[in-house]
């Protein structure tokens, strides 16, 4: 699907991109602040969030970062890059429309409208165009960069890798910066992607940070743009900055020494590999090349890789067990016993996940819980509900709330599903729980089509009146 629909988009893209480029004579937006919504004319109410660095002006060309969030949260995406964008002088443009579970044709139209409008409004350096995404948005970013063949220099993928159908090879036309939290359920995927990129001999970095399934943190955002700047200098896409190169070189070598002293062999190996790859043109890296070769064939690195693989296998086993149990919730005669078993497994995992000291078991527990939570919520909202399988959707969301009972949006979605099933009492109960946990937008609740069957009930009206008084 990806390849066919993106190639179709490109036929349109290639015939319009040059037409859309024009000399920008003024900027109509404030610099140094996030603008939450910029409407795209004649696009069916499409818009984007925007950040222009303080030094932005129309007399010079600037690098740009296009962002895609899986829930169409443009402002959220921009916020993660604001500090880095200001430091390195990048424009950040994030779609308010692109989101998970869209068909390729719709997604293509969104990307094309975003691209064309940005090129009409802003002074963009075409040699330094980058895209970024989180989770499903990361797959959108990589897919677009692959199929536009040369219009994007670099990709930032946070918490998600390549789309299905995009094969890692030496022909990939972009450099890749990946970021993933230690407790992200997609950690395994990103580690495997690193192995594939290593084999393909493409330029890449995949960094880890202390977090779950989320956008990369501020530190990693800075590292991503700094790395892009280094590569742009090396490729002649921007002027050489000797101080910048020296500062970044020292940062990388210090990180390598720290990882080695901490016996963090996986991260040490990746950092040494980057030093040799990124700085061989400008610095004597023979010392680090020697360390890299020694570590590459060491028992320490082999043992670290085997331990990580063990963690991955255990995570898959736990997730498969919970998901399998979840399917039996559809059968009323087994429901109570199944719920008891799920709760028992979840309680054990939650206890391990809350341990203060980092450990293999804590990481397995956190990744497993996050994986099941995301899988059940996405299955409920993006698959079962759309297919009209409301009971399956209700069951999936029930499992999700067993894992994270404080997730207000999941209780809200449970209320919607119960309302669609005609189970008004349960729907009100779930909606009240969502409100108690923080969903207080009365306009949103009133506008929710799923709640049409509830709107005339006394319970629903009372719930809204109580909400107004808070």
Protein backbone atom coordinates (compact mmCIF):
# COMPACT_ATOMS: atom_id res chain seq x y z
CA UNK A 1 0.00 0.00 0.00
CA UNK A 2 2.69 2.46 1.04
CA UNK A 3 4.75 2.13 -2.11
CA UNK A 4 1.90 2.34 -4.59
CA UNK A 5 0.17 5.29 -2.97
CA UNK A 6 3.34 7.22 -2.25
CA UNK A 7 4.57 6.74 -5.80
CA UNK A 8 1.25 8.07 -7.04
CA UNK A 9 1.73 11.06 -4.78
CA UNK A 10 5.22 11.62 -6.16
CA UNK A 11 3.99 11.96 -9.73
CA UNK A 12 1.94 14.88 -8.48
CA UNK A 13 4.71 16.05 -6.16
CA UNK A 14 7.42 16.22 -8.80
CA UNK A 15 5.24 18.25 -11.16
CA UNK A 16 4.21 20.78 -8.53
CA UNK A 17 7.15 21.23 -6.18
CA UNK A 18 9.13 23.45 -8.53
CA UNK A 19 6.05 25.42 -9.43
CA UNK A 20 5.36 25.99 -5.75
CA UNK A 21 8.82 27.40 -5.05
CA UNK A 22 8.99 31.17 -5.32
CA UNK A 23 10.91 34.11 -3.95
CA UNK A 24 9.65 34.90 -0.46
CA UNK A 25 9.58 38.64 0.14
CA UNK A 26 8.28 38.88 3.70
CA UNK A 27 7.33 36.86 6.76
CA UNK A 28 3.88 37.23 8.26
CA UNK A 29 4.63 35.28 11.45
CA UNK A 30 6.30 36.09 14.75
CA UNK A 31 9.70 34.54 15.38
CA UNK A 32 10.85 32.83 18.58
CA UNK A 33 7.43 31.49 19.55
CA UNK A 34 5.27 28.48 18.74
CA UNK A 35 2.30 29.25 16.53
CA UNK A 36 -0.25 26.52 17.12
CA UNK A 37 -2.31 26.80 13.95
CA UNK A 38 -1.46 28.14 10.51
CA UNK A 39 -4.23 27.37 8.04
CA UNK A 40 -3.34 26.15 4.55
CA UNK A 41 -5.48 27.93 1.95
CA UNK A 42 -7.74 25.82 -0.29
CA UNK A 43 -6.83 22.58 1.48
CA UNK A 44 -10.03 21.54 3.23
CA UNK A 45 -9.21 23.03 6.64
CA UNK A 46 -5.69 21.65 6.86
CA UNK A 47 -3.20 23.45 9.07
CA UNK A 48 0.19 23.17 10.74
CA UNK A 49 1.99 24.28 13.88
CA UNK A 50 5.04 26.45 13.33
CA UNK A 51 8.26 27.63 14.93
CA UNK A 52 10.54 30.22 13.31
CA UNK A 53 13.88 30.85 15.06
CA UNK A 54 14.62 34.39 16.18
CA UNK A 55 17.24 34.83 13.47
CA UNK A 56 14.81 33.94 10.67
CA UNK A 57 14.68 36.40 7.79
CA UNK A 58 13.69 36.18 4.14
CA UNK A 59 17.09 37.27 2.83
CA UNK A 60 18.71 33.90 3.49
CA UNK A 61 17.78 30.24 3.21
CA UNK A 62 17.03 28.17 6.32
CA UNK A 63 16.94 24.43 7.02
CA UNK A 64 13.46 23.07 7.73
CA UNK A 65 12.11 20.15 9.73
CA UNK A 66 8.66 18.80 8.79
CA UNK A 67 7.04 16.80 11.63
CA UNK A 68 4.31 14.15 11.79
CA UNK A 69 2.62 13.15 15.04
CA UNK A 70 0.47 9.96 15.16
CA UNK A 71 -2.40 11.88 16.76
CA UNK A 72 -2.21 15.03 14.60
CA UNK A 73 -0.75 17.05 17.49
CA UNK A 74 1.29 19.58 15.57
CA UNK A 75 2.05 21.77 18.56
CA UNK A 76 3.27 18.78 20.57
CA UNK A 77 5.72 17.86 17.82
CA UNK A 78 7.05 21.41 17.54
CA UNK A 79 7.53 21.70 21.31
CA UNK A 80 10.02 18.83 21.28
CA UNK A 81 12.24 20.60 18.74
CA UNK A 82 11.80 24.25 19.73
CA UNK A 83 15.02 24.59 21.78
CA UNK A 84 17.13 22.70 19.23
CA UNK A 85 15.57 24.65 16.35
CA UNK A 86 16.40 27.95 18.02
CA UNK A 87 19.98 26.87 18.73
CA UNK A 88 20.68 25.68 15.18
CA UNK A 89 18.42 28.01 13.22
CA UNK A 90 15.79 25.56 11.92
CA UNK A 91 12.22 26.14 10.83
CA UNK A 92 9.87 23.54 12.34
CA UNK A 93 6.57 22.80 10.60
CA UNK A 94 4.26 20.10 12.01
CA UNK A 95 1.03 18.84 10.47
CA UNK A 96 -2.18 19.19 12.47
CA UNK A 97 -3.88 16.62 10.23
CA UNK A 98 -1.58 13.65 9.64
CA UNK A 99 -2.39 10.80 12.03
CA UNK A 100 -2.37 7.03 12.40
CA UNK A 101 -4.67 4.73 10.40
CA UNK A 102 -5.06 7.11 7.44
CA UNK A 103 -5.14 5.66 3.95
CA UNK A 104 -2.22 6.52 1.70
CA UNK A 105 -4.20 8.75 -0.65
CA UNK A 106 -5.44 11.01 2.16
CA UNK A 107 -2.00 11.11 3.73
CA UNK A 108 -0.40 12.00 0.42
CA UNK A 109 -2.72 14.98 -0.04
CA UNK A 110 -1.89 16.21 3.47
CA UNK A 111 1.86 15.99 2.88
CA UNK A 112 1.64 17.66 -0.52
CA UNK A 113 -0.46 20.56 0.81
CA UNK A 114 1.94 21.02 3.73
CA UNK A 115 5.01 20.94 1.49
CA UNK A 116 3.66 23.35 -1.12
CA UNK A 117 2.35 25.89 1.37
CA UNK A 118 5.61 25.88 3.33
CA UNK A 119 7.60 26.54 0.17
CA UNK A 120 5.32 29.42 -0.76
CA UNK A 121 5.53 31.08 2.65
CA UNK A 122 9.09 30.49 3.86
CA UNK A 123 12.69 30.87 2.71
CA UNK A 124 13.84 27.22 2.71
CA UNK A 125 17.25 25.75 2.00
CA UNK A 126 16.37 22.88 -0.37
CA UNK A 127 19.68 21.14 0.42
CA UNK A 128 18.75 20.89 4.10
CA UNK A 129 15.20 19.57 4.26
CA UNK A 130 14.46 17.08 7.05
CA UNK A 131 11.42 15.17 8.29
CA UNK A 132 10.61 13.77 11.73
CA UNK A 133 7.90 11.63 13.23
CA UNK A 134 6.85 9.76 16.32
CA UNK A 135 5.50 6.18 16.30
CA UNK A 136 3.23 5.91 13.24
CA UNK A 137 4.38 9.40 12.30
CA UNK A 138 7.95 8.09 12.15
CA UNK A 139 6.83 5.61 9.49
CA UNK A 140 5.17 8.44 7.57
CA UNK A 141 8.39 10.46 7.70
CA UNK A 142 10.59 7.57 6.52
CA UNK A 143 8.12 6.55 3.82
CA UNK A 144 7.88 10.04 2.40
CA UNK A 145 11.65 10.59 2.46
CA UNK A 146 12.22 7.27 0.69
CA UNK A 147 9.73 7.78 -2.11
CA UNK A 148 10.45 11.42 -2.90
CA UNK A 149 14.01 10.29 -3.72
CA UNK A 150 16.32 13.15 -2.81
CA UNK A 151 14.02 15.93 -1.64
CA UNK A 152 14.75 15.01 2.01
CA UNK A 153 18.31 14.82 3.37
CA UNK A 154 17.61 13.35 6.80
CA UNK A 155 14.92 11.59 8.85
CA UNK A 156 14.31 11.55 12.60
CA UNK A 157 12.29 8.54 13.75
CA UNK A 158 11.17 8.54 17.38
CA UNK A 159 9.63 5.38 18.84
CA UNK A 160 9.02 3.85 15.42
CA UNK A 161 10.97 2.67 12.41
CA UNK A 162 10.20 2.22 8.72
CA UNK A 163 6.77 1.54 7.20
CA UNK A 164 5.87 -1.93 6.01
CA UNK A 165 7.18 -2.37 2.49
CA UNK A 166 10.17 -0.05 2.85
CA UNK A 167 13.23 -2.30 2.84
CA UNK A 168 16.47 -1.21 4.43
CA UNK A 169 19.18 -1.10 1.76
CA UNK A 170 22.18 0.88 0.58
CA UNK A 171 19.81 2.71 -1.81
CA UNK A 172 17.90 4.55 0.91
CA UNK A 173 18.27 8.22 -0.10
CA UNK A 174 18.49 9.77 3.37
CA UNK A 175 20.52 9.68 6.58
CA UNK A 176 18.64 8.39 9.60
CA UNK A 177 18.54 9.45 13.24
CA UNK A 178 16.46 7.17 15.45
CA UNK A 179 15.52 7.71 19.10
CA UNK A 180 13.78 5.31 21.46
CA UNK A 181 13.07 5.19 25.18
CA UNK A 182 14.55 2.33 27.19
CA UNK A 183 11.01 1.35 28.23
CA UNK A 184 9.41 1.81 24.80
CA UNK A 185 7.67 -1.34 23.55
CA UNK A 186 9.20 -0.53 20.13
CA UNK A 187 12.71 -0.67 21.61
CA UNK A 188 13.20 -4.10 20.04
CA UNK A 189 12.14 -2.80 16.62
CA UNK A 190 14.55 0.11 16.79
CA UNK A 191 17.45 -2.09 17.84
CA UNK A 192 16.72 -4.45 14.96
CA UNK A 193 16.53 -1.48 12.60
CA UNK A 194 19.99 -0.44 13.76
CA UNK A 195 21.32 -3.87 12.79
CA UNK A 196 19.76 -3.62 9.34
CA UNK A 197 21.11 -0.12 8.79
CA UNK A 198 24.55 -1.30 9.88
CA UNK A 199 24.46 -4.06 7.27
CA UNK A 200 23.33 -1.63 4.57
CA UNK A 201 26.25 0.70 5.36
CA UNK A 202 23.93 3.70 5.42
CA UNK A 203 24.69 6.66 7.68
CA UNK A 204 22.57 6.35 10.80
CA UNK A 205 22.37 6.93 14.52
CA UNK A 206 19.90 5.33 16.91
CA UNK A 207 19.97 6.88 20.37
CA UNK A 208 18.28 5.76 23.57
CA UNK A 209 16.87 7.83 26.40
CA UNK A 210 15.11 7.29 29.70
CA UNK A 211 11.47 7.16 28.64
CA UNK A 212 8.56 5.16 27.32
CA UNK A 213 6.74 5.34 23.99
CA UNK A 214 7.08 9.06 23.33
CA UNK A 215 8.67 11.79 21.26
CA UNK A 216 12.42 12.06 21.75
CA UNK A 217 13.59 14.28 24.61
CA UNK A 218 15.22 17.70 24.27
CA UNK A 219 18.77 16.34 24.54
CA UNK A 220 18.22 13.86 21.71
CA UNK A 221 16.54 16.54 19.59
CA UNK A 222 19.64 18.70 19.93
CA UNK A 223 21.89 15.76 19.07
CA UNK A 224 19.82 15.00 15.98
CA UNK A 225 20.03 18.51 14.54
CA UNK A 226 23.70 18.86 15.50
CA UNK A 227 24.46 15.59 13.68
CA UNK A 228 22.56 16.81 10.63
CA UNK A 229 24.68 19.97 10.71
CA UNK A 230 27.90 17.92 10.81
CA UNK A 231 26.80 15.83 7.83
CA UNK A 232 25.65 18.93 5.94
CA UNK A 233 29.14 20.41 6.38
CA UNK A 234 30.77 17.20 5.27
CA UNK A 235 28.58 17.03 2.15
CA UNK A 236 29.03 20.70 1.30
CA UNK A 237 25.38 21.52 2.01
CA UNK A 238 26.45 24.32 4.36
CA UNK A 239 29.66 26.16 5.19
CA UNK A 240 32.23 24.48 7.40
CA UNK A 241 32.31 25.61 11.05
CA UNK A 242 35.54 24.45 12.72
CA UNK A 243 34.41 25.30 16.26
CA UNK A 244 31.15 23.43 15.76
CA UNK A 245 33.04 20.36 14.53
CA UNK A 246 35.47 20.44 17.45
CA UNK A 247 32.71 20.85 20.06
CA UNK A 248 30.69 17.98 18.63
CA UNK A 249 33.78 15.78 18.33
CA UNK A 250 34.62 16.34 22.00
CA UNK A 251 31.04 15.59 23.01
CA UNK A 252 31.05 12.29 21.14
CA UNK A 253 34.44 11.15 22.41
CA UNK A 254 33.45 12.02 25.99
CA UNK A 255 30.30 9.94 25.60
CA UNK A 256 32.32 6.98 24.34
CA UNK A 257 34.66 7.15 27.32
CA UNK A 258 31.70 7.35 29.72
CA UNK A 259 29.97 4.33 28.19
CA UNK A 260 33.18 2.29 28.33
CA UNK A 261 33.82 3.23 31.97
CA UNK A 262 30.23 2.26 32.84
CA UNK A 263 30.65 -1.04 30.96
CA UNK A 264 27.71 -0.10 28.76
CA UNK A 265 29.11 -1.96 25.79
CA UNK A 266 26.15 -1.64 23.44
CA UNK A 267 26.10 2.16 23.65
CA UNK A 268 29.92 2.33 23.60
CA UNK A 269 30.02 0.34 20.38
CA UNK A 270 27.49 2.59 18.66
CA UNK A 271 29.25 5.76 19.80
CA UNK A 272 32.68 4.58 18.65
CA UNK A 273 31.20 3.58 15.30
CA UNK A 274 29.77 7.09 14.88
CA UNK A 275 33.05 8.80 15.76
CA UNK A 276 34.92 6.82 13.11
CA UNK A 277 32.19 7.37 10.52
CA UNK A 278 31.46 11.05 11.14
CA UNK A 279 34.88 12.55 11.82
CA UNK A 280 37.39 10.58 9.73
CA UNK A 281 37.46 13.47 7.21
CA UNK A 282 38.51 16.03 9.80
CA UNK A 283 40.16 14.28 12.74
CA UNK A 284 42.62 11.49 13.50
CA UNK A 285 40.23 8.75 14.64
CA UNK A 286 42.71 5.85 14.63
CA UNK A 287 42.52 5.56 18.42
CA UNK A 288 38.74 5.15 18.30
CA UNK A 289 38.89 2.85 15.30
CA UNK A 290 41.20 0.54 17.26
CA UNK A 291 38.85 0.59 20.28
CA UNK A 292 35.93 -0.16 18.00
CA UNK A 293 37.60 -3.23 16.49
CA UNK A 294 38.61 -4.53 19.92
CA UNK A 295 35.11 -4.10 21.29
CA UNK A 296 33.43 -5.51 18.18
CA UNK A 297 34.92 -8.97 18.75
CA UNK A 298 34.89 -8.94 22.55
CA UNK A 299 33.05 -11.35 24.85
CA UNK A 300 31.63 -8.34 26.70
CA UNK A 301 29.77 -7.04 23.64
CA UNK A 302 28.63 -10.55 22.69
CA UNK A 303 27.21 -11.11 26.18
CA UNK A 304 25.46 -7.72 26.15
CA UNK A 305 23.80 -8.53 22.82
CA UNK A 306 22.70 -11.95 24.05
CA UNK A 307 21.21 -10.45 27.21
CA UNK A 308 19.28 -7.87 25.23
CA UNK A 309 17.95 -10.59 22.92
CA UNK A 310 16.81 -12.53 25.98
CA UNK A 311 14.88 -9.47 27.16
CA UNK A 312 13.23 -9.15 23.75
CA UNK A 313 12.12 -12.79 23.76
CA UNK A 314 10.67 -12.49 27.26
CA UNK A 315 8.76 -9.34 26.29
CA UNK A 316 7.20 -11.12 23.30
CA UNK A 317 6.16 -14.06 25.50
CA UNK A 318 4.47 -11.84 28.08
CA UNK A 319 2.63 -9.77 25.48
CA UNK A 320 1.42 -12.88 23.64
CA UNK A 321 0.13 -14.39 26.90
CA UNK A 322 -1.89 -11.30 27.88
CA UNK A 323 -3.28 -10.73 24.38
CA UNK A 324 -4.33 -14.38 24.14
CA UNK A 325 -6.13 -14.15 27.48
CA UNK A 326 -7.80 -10.93 26.34
CA UNK A 327 -9.47 -12.68 23.42
CA UNK A 328 -11.26 -15.08 25.80
CA UNK A 329 -12.97 -12.14 27.52
CA UNK A 330 -15.45 -12.26 24.65
CA UNK A 331 -16.81 -15.52 26.09
CA UNK A 332 -18.99 -14.82 29.12
CA UNK A 333 -18.49 -18.22 30.72
CA UNK A 334 -14.74 -17.62 30.98
CA UNK A 335 -14.80 -13.89 31.64
CA UNK A 336 -14.34 -13.76 35.43
CA UNK A 337 -11.51 -16.30 35.49
CA UNK A 338 -9.79 -14.64 32.55
CA UNK A 339 -9.93 -11.21 34.17
CA UNK A 340 -8.49 -12.69 37.35
CA UNK A 341 -5.56 -14.13 35.39
CA UNK A 342 -4.92 -10.89 33.50
CA UNK A 343 -4.99 -8.87 36.72
CA UNK A 344 -2.61 -11.28 38.37
CA UNK A 345 -0.07 -11.00 35.53
CA UNK A 346 -0.47 -7.22 35.34
CA UNK A 347 0.00 -6.77 39.11
CA UNK A 348 3.30 -8.66 38.99
CA UNK A 349 4.49 -6.59 36.04
CA UNK A 350 3.38 -3.33 37.64
CA UNK A 351 5.29 -4.15 40.81
CA UNK A 352 8.46 -4.85 38.82
CA UNK A 353 7.95 -1.76 36.66
CA UNK A 354 7.81 0.47 39.75
CA UNK A 355 11.15 -0.64 41.15
CA UNK A 356 13.46 2.33 41.70
CA UNK A 357 16.62 0.69 40.37
CA UNK A 358 16.97 0.04 36.66
CA UNK A 359 17.29 -3.65 35.79
CA UNK A 360 16.58 -6.09 32.97
CA UNK A 361 13.40 -7.24 34.71
CA UNK A 362 12.15 -3.68 35.16
CA UNK A 363 12.70 -2.92 31.49
CA UNK A 364 10.93 -6.13 30.43
CA UNK A 365 7.97 -5.30 32.67
CA UNK A 366 7.67 -1.71 31.46
CA UNK A 367 8.01 -2.57 27.79
CA UNK A 368 5.50 -5.41 28.10
CA UNK A 369 2.91 -3.24 29.83
CA UNK A 370 3.39 -0.40 27.34
CA UNK A 371 3.19 -2.84 24.44
CA UNK A 372 -0.08 -4.45 25.55
CA UNK A 373 -1.58 -1.07 26.43
CA UNK A 374 -0.81 0.44 23.03
CA UNK A 375 -1.83 -2.68 21.13
CA UNK A 376 -5.20 -2.97 22.87
CA UNK A 377 -6.05 0.74 22.55
CA UNK A 378 -5.05 0.92 18.87
CA UNK A 379 -6.91 -2.29 18.06
CA UNK A 380 -10.04 -0.97 19.76
CA UNK A 381 -10.09 2.51 18.23
CA UNK A 382 -8.46 2.02 14.84
CA UNK A 383 -9.66 -1.48 13.97
CA UNK A 384 -12.55 -2.96 15.95
CA UNK A 385 -14.60 0.23 16.23
CA UNK A 386 -14.20 1.04 12.54
CA UNK A 387 -15.17 -2.52 11.63
CA UNK A 388 -18.26 -2.33 13.84
CA UNK A 389 -16.90 -4.96 16.26
CA UNK A 390 -17.96 -3.03 19.33
CA UNK A 391 -17.78 -5.86 21.83
CA UNK A 392 -14.20 -6.61 20.82
CA UNK A 393 -13.41 -2.90 21.14
CA UNK A 394 -14.95 -2.78 24.63
CA UNK A 395 -12.94 -5.80 25.74
CA UNK A 396 -9.66 -4.39 24.39
CA UNK A 397 -10.20 -1.11 26.23
CA UNK A 398 -11.05 -2.99 29.41
CA UNK A 399 -7.67 -4.71 29.27
CA UNK A 400 -6.01 -1.32 28.67
CA UNK A 401 -7.53 0.15 31.83
CA UNK A 402 -6.33 -2.82 33.84
CA UNK A 403 -2.80 -1.86 32.81
CA UNK A 404 -3.04 1.92 33.19
CA UNK A 405 -6.14 2.77 35.24
CA UNK A 406 -5.23 6.49 35.26
CA UNK A 407 -5.42 6.87 31.47
CA UNK A 408 -8.37 9.27 31.15
CA UNK A 409 -8.67 8.97 27.36
CA UNK A 410 -9.16 5.21 27.56
CA UNK A 411 -12.07 5.61 29.98
CA UNK A 412 -13.50 8.21 27.59
CA UNK A 413 -13.18 5.74 24.70
CA UNK A 414 -14.85 3.05 26.81
CA UNK A 415 -17.74 5.45 27.38
CA UNK A 416 -18.04 6.03 23.64
CA UNK A 417 -18.09 2.32 22.84
CA UNK A 418 -20.68 1.54 25.50
CA UNK A 419 -22.85 4.41 24.23
CA UNK A 420 -22.63 3.04 20.70
CA UNK A 421 -23.70 -0.37 22.06
CA UNK A 422 -26.70 1.20 23.76
CA UNK A 423 -25.34 0.43 27.23
CA UNK A 424 -26.18 3.84 28.63
CA UNK A 425 -25.59 3.15 32.31
CA UNK A 426 -22.09 1.81 31.67
CA UNK A 427 -21.36 4.66 29.28
CA UNK A 428 -22.22 7.27 31.94
CA UNK A 429 -20.12 5.41 34.49
CA UNK A 430 -17.09 5.36 32.17
CA UNK A 431 -17.55 9.01 31.19
CA UNK A 432 -17.69 10.05 34.85
CA UNK A 433 -14.43 8.20 35.42
CA UNK A 434 -12.83 10.02 32.46
CA UNK A 435 -13.97 13.36 33.88
CA UNK A 436 -12.62 12.50 37.33
CA UNK A 437 -9.25 11.75 35.72
CA UNK A 438 -9.07 15.08 33.92
CA UNK A 439 -11.20 15.24 30.75
CA UNK A 440 -13.12 18.46 31.37
CA UNK A 441 -13.84 19.84 27.89
CA UNK A 442 -17.64 20.27 27.88
CA UNK A 443 -17.74 21.35 24.24
CA UNK A 444 -15.90 18.20 23.23
CA UNK A 445 -18.26 15.95 25.20
CA UNK A 446 -21.34 17.71 23.79
CA UNK A 447 -20.02 17.42 20.24
CA UNK A 448 -19.15 13.72 20.57
CA UNK A 449 -21.35 11.86 18.07
CA UNK A 450 -20.98 8.63 20.00
CA UNK A 451 -22.89 10.23 22.87
CA UNK A 452 -25.99 11.16 20.87
CA UNK A 453 -27.99 8.41 22.57
CA UNK A 454 -27.06 9.81 25.98
CA UNK A 455 -27.76 13.49 25.45
CA UNK A 456 -31.42 13.41 26.44
CA UNK A 457 -30.90 11.33 29.57
CA UNK A 458 -31.05 12.93 33.01
CA UNK A 459 -27.79 11.26 33.99
CA UNK A 460 -25.88 12.82 31.09
CA UNK A 461 -27.32 16.29 31.72
CA UNK A 462 -26.53 16.00 35.43
CA UNK A 463 -22.99 14.98 34.62
CA UNK A 464 -22.51 18.07 32.43
CA UNK A 465 -24.04 20.38 35.04
CA UNK A 466 -21.66 19.05 37.66
CA UNK A 467 -18.77 19.54 35.24
CA UNK A 468 -19.74 23.17 34.64
CA UNK A 469 -19.60 23.85 38.37
CA UNK A 470 -16.03 22.57 38.71
